[in-house]
């Protein structure tokens, strides 16, 4: 797909807390490439989506 913008993206999102009072953590896996990216908190995940898809 070189040179073409993808019109469809699919991800597997996993979220969890290490402890009841800790921030939610996340791993996002691209189902096409199996590439995984970790996020320390939900704000970081949202920032990733805004950068990837052009924001709100």
N, C-alpha and C. Protein backbone atom coordinates (compact mmCIF):
# COMPACT_ATOMS: atom_id res chain seq x y z
N UNK A 1 0.81 -1.20 0.00
CA UNK A 1 0.00 0.00 0.00
C UNK A 1 0.85 1.26 0.00
N UNK A 2 2.02 1.18 -0.52
CA UNK A 2 2.92 2.33 -0.52
C UNK A 2 2.30 3.48 -1.29
N UNK A 3 2.34 4.69 -0.68
CA UNK A 3 1.82 5.86 -1.33
C UNK A 3 0.32 6.06 -1.19
N UNK A 4 -0.39 5.09 -0.71
CA UNK A 4 -1.83 5.22 -0.53
C UNK A 4 -2.17 5.27 0.95
N UNK A 5 -3.14 6.11 1.28
CA UNK A 5 -3.59 6.18 2.67
C UNK A 5 -4.54 5.02 2.91
N UNK A 6 -4.34 4.34 4.00
CA UNK A 6 -5.22 3.23 4.36
C UNK A 6 -6.59 3.78 4.72
N UNK A 7 -7.62 3.13 4.24
CA UNK A 7 -8.99 3.56 4.53
C UNK A 7 -9.59 2.75 5.66
N UNK A 8 -8.89 1.74 6.11
CA UNK A 8 -9.42 0.87 7.15
C UNK A 8 -8.29 0.45 8.06
N UNK A 9 -8.49 0.60 9.36
CA UNK A 9 -7.53 0.17 10.35
C UNK A 9 -8.26 -0.73 11.35
N UNK A 10 -7.57 -1.75 11.82
CA UNK A 10 -8.15 -2.63 12.84
C UNK A 10 -7.09 -2.85 13.92
N UNK A 11 -7.53 -2.70 15.16
CA UNK A 11 -6.64 -2.84 16.30
C UNK A 11 -7.29 -3.72 17.36
N UNK A 12 -6.44 -4.37 18.13
CA UNK A 12 -6.86 -5.04 19.35
C UNK A 12 -6.33 -4.18 20.49
N UNK A 13 -7.23 -3.73 21.36
CA UNK A 13 -6.85 -2.87 22.48
C UNK A 13 -7.00 -3.64 23.77
N UNK A 14 -5.91 -3.65 24.56
CA UNK A 14 -5.94 -4.26 25.90
C UNK A 14 -5.69 -3.16 26.91
N UNK A 15 -6.52 -3.10 27.94
CA UNK A 15 -6.32 -2.12 29.02
C UNK A 15 -6.37 -2.82 30.36
N UNK A 16 -5.60 -2.32 31.31
CA UNK A 16 -5.55 -2.93 32.64
C UNK A 16 -4.97 -1.93 33.63
N UNK A 17 -5.13 -2.27 34.90
CA UNK A 17 -4.51 -1.53 36.00
C UNK A 17 -3.64 -2.50 36.77
N UNK A 18 -2.46 -2.04 37.15
CA UNK A 18 -1.59 -2.88 37.96
C UNK A 18 -2.11 -2.98 39.39
N UNK A 19 -2.73 -1.90 39.88
CA UNK A 19 -3.34 -1.85 41.20
C UNK A 19 -4.63 -1.06 41.09
N UNK A 20 -5.52 -1.20 42.06
CA UNK A 20 -6.82 -0.53 42.00
C UNK A 20 -6.73 0.99 41.84
N UNK A 21 -5.71 1.61 42.42
CA UNK A 21 -5.61 3.07 42.37
C UNK A 21 -4.60 3.57 41.33
N UNK A 22 -4.10 2.70 40.47
CA UNK A 22 -3.13 3.12 39.47
C UNK A 22 -3.83 3.53 38.17
N UNK A 23 -3.10 4.18 37.30
CA UNK A 23 -3.63 4.60 36.00
C UNK A 23 -3.89 3.38 35.12
N UNK A 24 -4.85 3.55 34.23
CA UNK A 24 -5.09 2.51 33.23
C UNK A 24 -3.93 2.51 32.25
N UNK A 25 -3.40 1.34 31.97
CA UNK A 25 -2.35 1.16 30.97
C UNK A 25 -2.95 0.51 29.75
N UNK A 26 -2.26 0.54 28.63
CA UNK A 26 -2.85 -0.01 27.41
C UNK A 26 -1.78 -0.55 26.48
N UNK A 27 -2.17 -1.54 25.70
CA UNK A 27 -1.38 -2.03 24.58
C UNK A 27 -2.30 -2.08 23.38
N UNK A 28 -1.83 -1.49 22.28
CA UNK A 28 -2.58 -1.45 21.05
C UNK A 28 -1.86 -2.32 20.04
N UNK A 29 -2.55 -3.30 19.47
CA UNK A 29 -1.94 -4.22 18.50
C UNK A 29 -2.61 -4.05 17.14
N UNK A 30 -1.82 -3.75 16.13
CA UNK A 30 -2.31 -3.66 14.76
C UNK A 30 -2.57 -5.08 14.27
N UNK A 31 -3.80 -5.41 13.94
CA UNK A 31 -4.11 -6.79 13.57
C UNK A 31 -3.58 -7.16 12.20
N UNK A 32 -3.20 -6.17 11.37
CA UNK A 32 -2.64 -6.47 10.06
C UNK A 32 -1.16 -6.83 10.14
N UNK A 33 -0.43 -6.16 11.05
CA UNK A 33 1.02 -6.34 11.14
C UNK A 33 1.47 -7.04 12.42
N UNK A 34 0.56 -7.16 13.39
CA UNK A 34 0.85 -7.70 14.72
C UNK A 34 1.80 -6.81 15.53
N UNK A 35 2.07 -5.59 15.04
CA UNK A 35 2.91 -4.64 15.77
C UNK A 35 2.16 -4.17 17.01
N UNK A 36 2.85 -4.16 18.15
CA UNK A 36 2.26 -3.73 19.42
C UNK A 36 2.93 -2.46 19.90
N UNK A 37 2.11 -1.59 20.50
CA UNK A 37 2.63 -0.36 21.08
C UNK A 37 2.00 -0.18 22.45
N UNK A 38 2.83 0.07 23.45
CA UNK A 38 2.36 0.24 24.81
C UNK A 38 2.18 1.70 25.18
N UNK A 39 1.25 1.95 26.11
CA UNK A 39 0.95 3.30 26.57
C UNK A 39 0.87 3.29 28.09
N UNK A 40 1.47 4.30 28.72
CA UNK A 40 1.51 4.39 30.19
C UNK A 40 0.16 4.75 30.79
N UNK A 41 -0.65 5.48 29.99
CA UNK A 41 -1.97 5.89 30.48
C UNK A 41 -2.88 6.18 29.28
N UNK A 42 -4.14 6.42 29.57
CA UNK A 42 -5.12 6.63 28.50
C UNK A 42 -4.84 7.93 27.74
N UNK A 43 -4.35 8.95 28.41
CA UNK A 43 -4.03 10.21 27.73
C UNK A 43 -2.99 9.98 26.64
N UNK A 44 -2.01 9.15 26.91
CA UNK A 44 -0.98 8.84 25.92
C UNK A 44 -1.58 8.08 24.73
N UNK A 45 -2.51 7.18 25.01
CA UNK A 45 -3.21 6.44 23.95
C UNK A 45 -4.01 7.40 23.07
N UNK A 46 -4.74 8.31 23.69
CA UNK A 46 -5.55 9.29 22.94
C UNK A 46 -4.63 10.17 22.09
N UNK A 47 -3.51 10.59 22.64
CA UNK A 47 -2.55 11.40 21.88
C UNK A 47 -2.07 10.64 20.65
N UNK A 48 -1.82 9.36 20.80
CA UNK A 48 -1.39 8.54 19.66
C UNK A 48 -2.45 8.54 18.56
N UNK A 49 -3.72 8.35 18.95
CA UNK A 49 -4.80 8.36 17.96
C UNK A 49 -4.94 9.72 17.29
N UNK A 50 -4.79 10.79 18.05
CA UNK A 50 -4.88 12.13 17.47
C UNK A 50 -3.78 12.37 16.46
N UNK A 51 -2.56 11.92 16.77
CA UNK A 51 -1.44 12.08 15.83
C UNK A 51 -1.62 11.19 14.60
N UNK A 52 -2.12 9.98 14.81
CA UNK A 52 -2.26 9.03 13.71
C UNK A 52 -3.40 9.39 12.77
N UNK A 53 -4.52 9.85 13.33
CA UNK A 53 -5.73 10.04 12.53
C UNK A 53 -6.14 11.51 12.40
N UNK A 54 -5.28 12.43 12.81
CA UNK A 54 -5.56 13.83 12.58
C UNK A 54 -6.34 14.55 13.64
N UNK A 55 -6.52 13.95 14.79
CA UNK A 55 -7.22 14.60 15.88
C UNK A 55 -8.72 14.63 15.71
N UNK A 56 -9.36 15.37 16.58
CA UNK A 56 -10.82 15.44 16.58
C UNK A 56 -11.35 16.42 15.57
